[in-house]
Amino acid sequence: MDIQTLTTFFMWCTIINGGIFILWTVFFMFAPDFVYRLQSKLFPIPRETYNVVIYAFLGLFKIVFLFFNVVPYLALLIVG
């Protein structure tokens, strides 16, 4: 696999995962009650615990997104 193919792969990974992250964040910012009602039917937890879990998942997703998508893409751009 050449550098150009890897760069294209990580570019699309970054775009797709960035879009998922933005969509997820916007959804939880503008419709938190709807999401909580939907999820509380499947997982009955208190609202405070739910807010902490969602905040933690957003933070973890952001760190994983930056570490495994954005950083390799930028490194390949620099090398290539």
PDB file of N, CA and C in Angstrom:
ATOM      1  N   MET A   1       0.853  -1.179   0.000  1.00  0.00           N
ATOM      2  CA  MET A   1       0.000   0.000   0.000  1.00  0.00           C
ATOM      3  C   MET A   1       0.897   1.238   0.000  1.00  0.00           C
ATOM      4  N   ASP A   2       0.611   2.176  -0.885  1.00  0.00           N
ATOM      5  CA  ASP A   2       1.444   3.372  -0.966  1.00  0.00           C
ATOM      6  C   ASP A   2       0.897   4.490  -0.073  1.00  0.00           C
ATOM      7  N   ILE A   3       1.693   5.543   0.065  1.00  0.00           N
ATOM      8  CA  ILE A   3       1.342   6.652   0.962  1.00  0.00           C
ATOM      9  C   ILE A   3       0.091   7.377   0.484  1.00  0.00           C
ATOM     10  N   GLN A   4      -0.082   7.500  -0.807  1.00  0.00           N
ATOM     11  CA  GLN A   4      -1.265   8.191  -1.334  1.00  0.00           C
ATOM     12  C   GLN A   4      -2.550   7.458  -0.974  1.00  0.00           C
ATOM     13  N   THR A   5      -2.541   6.143  -1.062  1.00  0.00           N
ATOM     14  CA  THR A   5      -3.720   5.356  -0.704  1.00  0.00           C
ATOM     15  C   THR A   5      -4.023   5.486   0.787  1.00  0.00           C
ATOM     16  N   LEU A   6      -2.980   5.403   1.617  1.00  0.00           N
ATOM     17  CA  LEU A   6      -3.175   5.563   3.059  1.00  0.00           C
ATOM     18  C   LEU A   6      -3.681   6.961   3.408  1.00  0.00           C
ATOM     19  N   THR A   7      -3.153   7.960   2.741  1.00  0.00           N
ATOM     20  CA  THR A   7      -3.602   9.328   2.990  1.00  0.00           C
ATOM     21  C   THR A   7      -5.068   9.485   2.638  1.00  0.00           C
ATOM     22  N   THR A   8      -5.474   8.931   1.512  1.00  0.00           N
ATOM     23  CA  THR A   8      -6.883   8.984   1.110  1.00  0.00           C
ATOM     24  C   THR A   8      -7.761   8.227   2.099  1.00  0.00           C
ATOM     25  N   PHE A   9      -7.302   7.060   2.547  1.00  0.00           N
ATOM     26  CA  PHE A   9      -8.045   6.267   3.522  1.00  0.00           C
ATOM     27  C   PHE A   9      -8.262   7.048   4.816  1.00  0.00           C
ATOM     28  N   PHE A  10      -7.195   7.627   5.354  1.00  0.00           N
ATOM     29  CA  PHE A  10      -7.326   8.369   6.610  1.00  0.00           C
ATOM     30  C   PHE A  10      -8.097   9.673   6.431  1.00  0.00           C
ATOM     31  N   MET A  11      -8.049  10.257   5.233  1.00  0.00           N
ATOM     32  CA  MET A  11      -8.851  11.440   4.979  1.00  0.00           C
ATOM     33  C   MET A  11     -10.337  11.094   5.088  1.00  0.00           C
ATOM     34  N   TRP A  12     -10.745   9.998   4.445  1.00  0.00           N
ATOM     35  CA  TRP A  12     -12.151   9.611   4.490  1.00  0.00           C
ATOM     36  C   TRP A  12     -12.559   9.137   5.876  1.00  0.00           C
ATOM     37  N   CYS A  13     -11.666   8.466   6.578  1.00  0.00           N
ATOM     38  CA  CYS A  13     -11.959   8.080   7.971  1.00  0.00           C
ATOM     39  C   CYS A  13     -12.188   9.319   8.827  1.00  0.00           C
ATOM     40  N   THR A  14     -11.358  10.326   8.642  1.00  0.00           N
ATOM     41  CA  THR A  14     -11.493  11.560   9.401  1.00  0.00           C
ATOM     42  C   THR A  14     -12.803  12.268   9.072  1.00  0.00           C
ATOM     43  N   ILE A  15     -13.151  12.331   7.810  1.00  0.00           N
ATOM     44  CA  ILE A  15     -14.397  12.991   7.407  1.00  0.00           C
ATOM     45  C   ILE A  15     -15.612  12.253   7.965  1.00  0.00           C
ATOM     46  N   ILE A  16     -15.642  10.948   7.810  1.00  0.00           N
ATOM     47  CA  ILE A  16     -16.796  10.176   8.266  1.00  0.00           C
ATOM     48  C   ILE A  16     -16.922  10.214   9.783  1.00  0.00           C
ATOM     49  N   ASN A  17     -15.837   9.952  10.498  1.00  0.00           N
ATOM     50  CA  ASN A  17     -15.898   9.958  11.961  1.00  0.00           C
ATOM     51  C   ASN A  17     -16.110  11.361  12.518  1.00  0.00           C
ATOM     52  N   GLY A  18     -15.581  12.379  11.853  1.00  0.00           N
ATOM     53  CA  GLY A  18     -15.848  13.755  12.266  1.00  0.00           C
ATOM     54  C   GLY A  18     -17.313  14.105  12.100  1.00  0.00           C
ATOM     55  N   GLY A  19     -17.906  13.640  11.011  1.00  0.00           N
ATOM     56  CA  GLY A  19     -19.341  13.861  10.797  1.00  0.00           C
ATOM     57  C   GLY A  19     -20.190  13.161  11.842  1.00  0.00           C
ATOM     58  N   ILE A  20     -19.813  11.928  12.188  1.00  0.00           N
ATOM     59  CA  ILE A  20     -20.539  11.209  13.235  1.00  0.00           C
ATOM     60  C   ILE A  20     -20.418  11.938  14.566  1.00  0.00           C
ATOM     61  N   PHE A  21     -19.217  12.412  14.878  1.00  0.00           N
ATOM     62  CA  PHE A  21     -19.014  13.129  16.135  1.00  0.00           C
ATOM     63  C   PHE A  21     -19.837  14.419  16.180  1.00  0.00           C
ATOM     64  N   ILE A  22     -19.832  15.175  15.110  1.00  0.00           N
ATOM     65  CA  ILE A  22     -20.602  16.422  15.063  1.00  0.00           C
ATOM     66  C   ILE A  22     -22.102  16.135  15.155  1.00  0.00           C
ATOM     67  N   LEU A  23     -22.572  15.143  14.411  1.00  0.00           N
ATOM     68  CA  LEU A  23     -23.988  14.773  14.460  1.00  0.00           C
ATOM     69  C   LEU A  23     -24.392  14.337  15.867  1.00  0.00           C
ATOM     70  N   TRP A  24     -23.574  13.516  16.487  1.00  0.00           N
ATOM     71  CA  TRP A  24     -23.844  13.019  17.827  1.00  0.00           C
ATOM     72  C   TRP A  24     -23.892  14.172  18.825  1.00  0.00           C
ATOM     73  N   THR A  25     -22.934  15.087  18.732  1.00  0.00           N
ATOM     74  CA  THR A  25     -22.889  16.235  19.631  1.00  0.00           C
ATOM     75  C   THR A  25     -24.103  17.139  19.440  1.00  0.00           C
ATOM     76  N   VAL A  26     -24.440  17.449  18.198  1.00  0.00           N
ATOM     77  CA  VAL A  26     -25.587  18.308  17.922  1.00  0.00           C
ATOM     78  C   VAL A  26     -26.875  17.653  18.396  1.00  0.00           C
ATOM     79  N   PHE A  27     -26.990  16.363  18.194  1.00  0.00           N
ATOM     80  CA  PHE A  27     -28.184  15.641  18.617  1.00  0.00           C
ATOM     81  C   PHE A  27     -28.367  15.727  20.122  1.00  0.00           C
ATOM     82  N   PHE A  28     -27.287  15.564  20.871  1.00  0.00           N
ATOM     83  CA  PHE A  28     -27.385  15.623  22.326  1.00  0.00           C
ATOM     84  C   PHE A  28     -27.503  17.049  22.851  1.00  0.00           C
ATOM     85  N   MET A  29     -27.104  18.030  22.047  1.00  0.00           N
ATOM     86  CA  MET A  29     -27.262  19.420  22.468  1.00  0.00           C
ATOM     87  C   MET A  29     -28.697  19.909  22.266  1.00  0.00           C
ATOM     88  N   PHE A  30     -29.324  19.531  21.147  1.00  0.00           N
ATOM     89  CA  PHE A  30     -30.618  20.094  20.796  1.00  0.00           C
ATOM     90  C   PHE A  30     -31.812  19.185  21.084  1.00  0.00           C
ATOM     91  N   ALA A  31     -31.561  17.899  21.349  1.00  0.00           N
ATOM     92  CA  ALA A  31     -32.669  16.991  21.659  1.00  0.00           C
ATOM     93  C   ALA A  31     -32.314  16.055  22.809  1.00  0.00           C
ATOM     94  N   PRO A  32     -31.817  16.577  23.923  1.00  0.00           N
ATOM     95  CA  PRO A  32     -31.383  15.677  25.002  1.00  0.00           C
ATOM     96  C   PRO A  32     -32.534  14.922  25.652  1.00  0.00           C
ATOM     97  N   ASP A  33     -33.689  15.567  25.769  1.00  0.00           N
ATOM     98  CA  ASP A  33     -34.825  14.891  26.395  1.00  0.00           C
ATOM     99  C   ASP A  33     -35.342  13.742  25.533  1.00  0.00           C
ATOM    100  N   PHE A  34     -35.400  13.963  24.231  1.00  0.00           N
ATOM    101  CA  PHE A  34     -35.843  12.910  23.324  1.00  0.00           C
ATOM    102  C   PHE A  34     -34.907  11.702  23.395  1.00  0.00           C
ATOM    103  N   VAL A  35     -33.600  11.962  23.359  1.00  0.00           N
ATOM    104  CA  VAL A  35     -32.621  10.874  23.410  1.00  0.00           C
ATOM    105  C   VAL A  35     -32.707  10.153  24.754  1.00  0.00           C
ATOM    106  N   TYR A  36     -32.863  10.915  25.834  1.00  0.00           N
ATOM    107  CA  TYR A  36     -32.963  10.279  27.150  1.00  0.00           C
ATOM    108  C   TYR A  36     -34.204   9.400  27.237  1.00  0.00           C
ATOM    109  N   ARG A  37     -35.343   9.895  26.771  1.00  0.00           N
ATOM    110  CA  ARG A  37     -36.569   9.081  26.808  1.00  0.00           C
ATOM    111  C   ARG A  37     -36.421   7.808  25.989  1.00  0.00           C
ATOM    112  N   LEU A  38     -35.798   7.936  24.823  1.00  0.00           N
ATOM    113  CA  LEU A  38     -35.592   6.778  23.970  1.00  0.00           C
ATOM    114  C   LEU A  38     -34.672   5.758  24.627  1.00  0.00           C
ATOM    115  N   GLN A  39     -33.565   6.230  25.198  1.00  0.00           N
ATOM    116  CA  GLN A  39     -32.594   5.329  25.812  1.00  0.00           C
ATOM    117  C   GLN A  39     -33.059   4.782  27.156  1.00  0.00           C
ATOM    118  N   SER A  40     -33.852   5.550  27.893  1.00  0.00           N
ATOM    119  CA  SER A  40     -34.280   5.087  29.213  1.00  0.00           C
ATOM    120  C   SER A  40     -35.268   3.927  29.119  1.00  0.00           C
ATOM    121  N   LYS A  41     -35.873   3.740  27.952  1.00  0.00           N
ATOM    122  CA  LYS A  41     -36.722   2.570  27.761  1.00  0.00           C
ATOM    123  C   LYS A  41     -35.880   1.294  27.687  1.00  0.00           C
ATOM    124  N   LEU A  42     -34.686   1.417  27.142  1.00  0.00           N
ATOM    125  CA  LEU A  42     -33.797   0.264  27.021  1.00  0.00           C
ATOM    126  C   LEU A  42     -32.927   0.077  28.257  1.00  0.00           C
ATOM    127  N   PHE A  43     -32.419   1.192  28.793  1.00  0.00           N
ATOM    128  CA  PHE A  43     -31.502   1.163  29.937  1.00  0.00           C
ATOM    129  C   PHE A  43     -32.030   2.106  31.007  1.00  0.00           C
ATOM    130  N   PRO A  44     -32.768   1.602  31.973  1.00  0.00           N
ATOM    131  CA  PRO A  44     -33.353   2.482  33.002  1.00  0.00           C
ATOM    132  C   PRO A  44     -32.297   2.990  33.986  1.00  0.00           C
ATOM    133  N   ILE A  45     -31.786   4.196  33.730  1.00  0.00           N
ATOM    134  CA  ILE A  45     -30.820   4.823  34.634  1.00  0.00           C
ATOM    135  C   ILE A  45     -31.307   6.233  34.943  1.00  0.00           C
ATOM    136  N   PRO A  46     -30.875   6.789  36.068  1.00  0.00           N
ATOM    137  CA  PRO A  46     -31.262   8.170  36.397  1.00  0.00           C
ATOM    138  C   PRO A  46     -30.693   9.173  35.396  1.00  0.00           C
ATOM    139  N   ARG A  47     -31.346  10.307  35.278  1.00  0.00           N
ATOM    140  CA  ARG A  47     -30.940  11.339  34.309  1.00  0.00           C
ATOM    141  C   ARG A  47     -29.526  11.850  34.571  1.00  0.00           C
ATOM    142  N   GLU A  48     -29.166  12.021  35.833  1.00  0.00           N
ATOM    143  CA  GLU A  48     -27.827  12.524  36.164  1.00  0.00           C
ATOM    144  C   GLU A  48     -26.753  11.543  35.710  1.00  0.00           C
ATOM    145  N   THR A  49     -26.989  10.263  35.936  1.00  0.00           N
ATOM    146  CA  THR A  49     -26.042   9.242  35.501  1.00  0.00           C
ATOM    147  C   THR A  49     -25.963   9.205  33.980  1.00  0.00           C
ATOM    148  N   TYR A  50     -27.089   9.348  33.333  1.00  0.00           N
ATOM    149  CA  TYR A  50     -27.131   9.364  31.873  1.00  0.00           C
ATOM    150  C   TYR A  50     -26.297  10.523  31.322  1.00  0.00           C
ATOM    151  N   ASN A  51     -26.438  11.694  31.915  1.00  0.00           N
ATOM    152  CA  ASN A  51     -25.673  12.850  31.448  1.00  0.00           C
ATOM    153  C   ASN A  51     -24.172  12.615  31.589  1.00  0.00           C
ATOM    154  N   VAL A  52     -23.755  12.014  32.692  1.00  0.00           N
ATOM    155  CA  VAL A  52     -22.331  11.735  32.903  1.00  0.00           C
ATOM    156  C   VAL A  52     -21.835  10.718  31.886  1.00  0.00           C
ATOM    157  N   VAL A  53     -22.625   9.683  31.634  1.00  0.00           N
ATOM    158  CA  VAL A  53     -22.228   8.644  30.677  1.00  0.00           C
ATOM    159  C   VAL A  53     -22.098   9.234  29.275  1.00  0.00           C
ATOM    160  N   ILE A  54     -23.064  10.038  28.863  1.00  0.00           N
ATOM    161  CA  ILE A  54     -23.009  10.640  27.526  1.00  0.00           C
ATOM    162  C   ILE A  54     -21.804  11.569  27.400  1.00  0.00           C
ATOM    163  N   TYR A  55     -21.552  12.373  28.426  1.00  0.00           N
ATOM    164  CA  TYR A  55     -20.399  13.274  28.401  1.00  0.00           C
ATOM    165  C   TYR A  55     -19.099  12.479  28.311  1.00  0.00           C
ATOM    166  N   ALA A  56     -19.019  11.381  29.057  1.00  0.00           N
ATOM    167  CA  ALA A  56     -17.817  10.540  29.022  1.00  0.00           C
ATOM    168  C   ALA A  56     -17.631   9.889  27.657  1.00  0.00           C
ATOM    169  N   PHE A  57     -18.725   9.400  27.056  1.00  0.00           N
ATOM    170  CA  PHE A  57     -18.623   8.792  25.732  1.00  0.00           C
ATOM    171  C   PHE A  57     -18.217   9.810  24.668  1.00  0.00           C
ATOM    172  N   LEU A  58     -18.745  11.022  24.752  1.00  0.00           N
ATOM    173  CA  LEU A  58     -18.340  12.057  23.797  1.00  0.00           C
ATOM    174  C   LEU A  58     -16.849  12.373  23.940  1.00  0.00           C
ATOM    175  N   GLY A  59     -16.396  12.465  25.175  1.00  0.00           N
ATOM    176  CA  GLY A  59     -14.973  12.731  25.406  1.00  0.00           C
ATOM    177  C   GLY A  59     -14.094  11.601  24.910  1.00  0.00           C
ATOM    178  N   LEU A  60     -14.485  10.365  25.182  1.00  0.00           N
ATOM    179  CA  LEU A  60     -13.716   9.209  24.726  1.00  0.00           C
ATOM    180  C   LEU A  60     -13.706   9.137  23.200  1.00  0.00           C
ATOM    181  N   PHE A  61     -14.852   9.361  22.576  1.00  0.00           N
ATOM    182  CA  PHE A  61     -14.924   9.328  21.119  1.00  0.00           C
ATOM    183  C   PHE A  61     -14.026  10.407  20.515  1.00  0.00           C
ATOM    184  N   LYS A  62     -14.015  11.581  21.130  1.00  0.00           N
ATOM    185  CA  LYS A  62     -13.181  12.674  20.615  1.00  0.00           C
ATOM    186  C   LYS A  62     -11.703  12.317  20.704  1.00  0.00           C
ATOM    187  N   ILE A  63     -11.283  11.738  21.820  1.00  0.00           N
ATOM    188  CA  ILE A  63      -9.877  11.364  21.985  1.00  0.00           C
ATOM    189  C   ILE A  63      -9.493  10.277  20.990  1.00  0.00           C
ATOM    190  N   VAL A  64     -10.338   9.258  20.855  1.00  0.00           N
ATOM    191  CA  VAL A  64     -10.058   8.168  19.914  1.00  0.00           C
ATOM    192  C   VAL A  64     -10.065   8.695  18.480  1.00  0.00           C
ATOM    193  N   PHE A  65     -11.001   9.574  18.163  1.00  0.00           N
ATOM    194  CA  PHE A  65     -11.075  10.175  16.832  1.00  0.00           C
ATOM    195  C   PHE A  65      -9.796  10.941  16.510  1.00  0.00           C
ATOM    196  N   LEU A  66      -9.348  11.771  17.430  1.00  0.00           N
ATOM    197  CA  LEU A  66      -8.131  12.540  17.194  1.00  0.00           C
ATOM    198  C   LEU A  66      -6.904  11.644  17.090  1.00  0.00           C
ATOM    199  N   PHE A  67      -6.806  10.664  17.980  1.00  0.00           N
ATOM    200  CA  PHE A  67      -5.619   9.818  18.042  1.00  0.00           C
ATOM    201  C   PHE A  67      -5.516   8.855  16.866  1.00  0.00           C
ATOM    202  N   PHE A  68      -6.627   8.260  16.452  1.00  0.00           N
ATOM    203  CA  PHE A  68      -6.581   7.229  15.425  1.00  0.00           C
ATOM    204  C   PHE A  68      -6.980   7.696  14.028  1.00  0.00           C
ATOM    205  N   ASN A  69      -7.512   8.907  13.876  1.00  0.00           N
ATOM    206  CA  ASN A  69      -7.890   9.397  12.554  1.00  0.00           C
ATOM    207  C   ASN A  69      -7.140  10.648  12.151  1.00  0.00           C
ATOM    208  N   VAL A  70      -7.218  11.671  12.967  1.00  0.00           N
ATOM    209  CA  VAL A  70      -6.658  12.969  12.585  1.00  0.00           C
ATOM    210  C   VAL A  70      -5.127  12.949  12.615  1.00  0.00           C
ATOM    211  N   VAL A  71      -4.541  12.412  13.669  1.00  0.00           N
ATOM    212  CA  VAL A  71      -3.077  12.404  13.786  1.00  0.00           C
ATOM    213  C   VAL A  71      -2.425  11.586  12.669  1.00  0.00           C
ATOM    214  N   PRO A  72      -2.878  10.363  12.369  1.00  0.00           N
ATOM    215  CA  PRO A  72      -2.254   9.656  11.230  1.00  0.00           C
ATOM    216  C   PRO A  72      -2.444  10.378   9.895  1.00  0.00           C
ATOM    217  N   TYR A  73      -3.601  10.995   9.711  1.00  0.00           N
ATOM    218  CA  TYR A  73      -3.842  11.726   8.473  1.00  0.00           C
ATOM    219  C   TYR A  73      -2.873  12.910   8.347  1.00  0.00           C
ATOM    220  N   LEU A  74      -2.701  13.666   9.415  1.00  0.00           N
ATOM    221  CA  LEU A  74      -1.775  14.792   9.378  1.00  0.00           C
ATOM    222  C   LEU A  74      -0.339  14.319   9.191  1.00  0.00           C
ATOM    223  N   ALA A  75       0.028  13.216   9.833  1.00  0.00           N
ATOM    224  CA  ALA A  75       1.387  12.685   9.677  1.00  0.00           C
ATOM    225  C   ALA A  75       1.633  12.251   8.227  1.00  0.00           C
ATOM    226  N   LEU A  76       0.655  11.616   7.614  1.00  0.00           N
ATOM    227  CA  LEU A  76       0.810  11.217   6.225  1.00  0.00           C
ATOM    228  C   LEU A  76       0.865  12.423   5.282  1.00  0.00           C
ATOM    229  N   LEU A  77       0.129  13.462   5.613  1.00  0.00           N
ATOM    230  CA  LEU A  77       0.218  14.684   4.792  1.00  0.00           C
ATOM    231  C   LEU A  77       1.616  15.298   4.893  1.00  0.00           C
ATOM    232  N   ILE A  78       2.180  15.281   6.080  1.00  0.00           N
ATOM    233  CA  ILE A  78       3.515  15.847   6.271  1.00  0.00           C
ATOM    234  C   ILE A  78       4.569  14.998   5.537  1.00  0.00           C
ATOM    235  N   VAL A  79       4.477  13.687   5.679  1.00  0.00           N
ATOM    236  CA  VAL A  79       5.445  12.791   5.058  1.00  0.00           C
ATOM    237  C   VAL A  79       5.309  12.791   3.536  1.00  0.00           C
ATOM    238  N   GLY A  80       4.063  12.786   3.063  1.00  0.00           N
ATOM    239  CA  GLY A  80       3.816  12.697   1.627  1.00  0.00           C
ATOM    240  C   GLY A  80       4.078  13.989   0.955  1.00  0.00           C
TER     241      GLY A  80
END
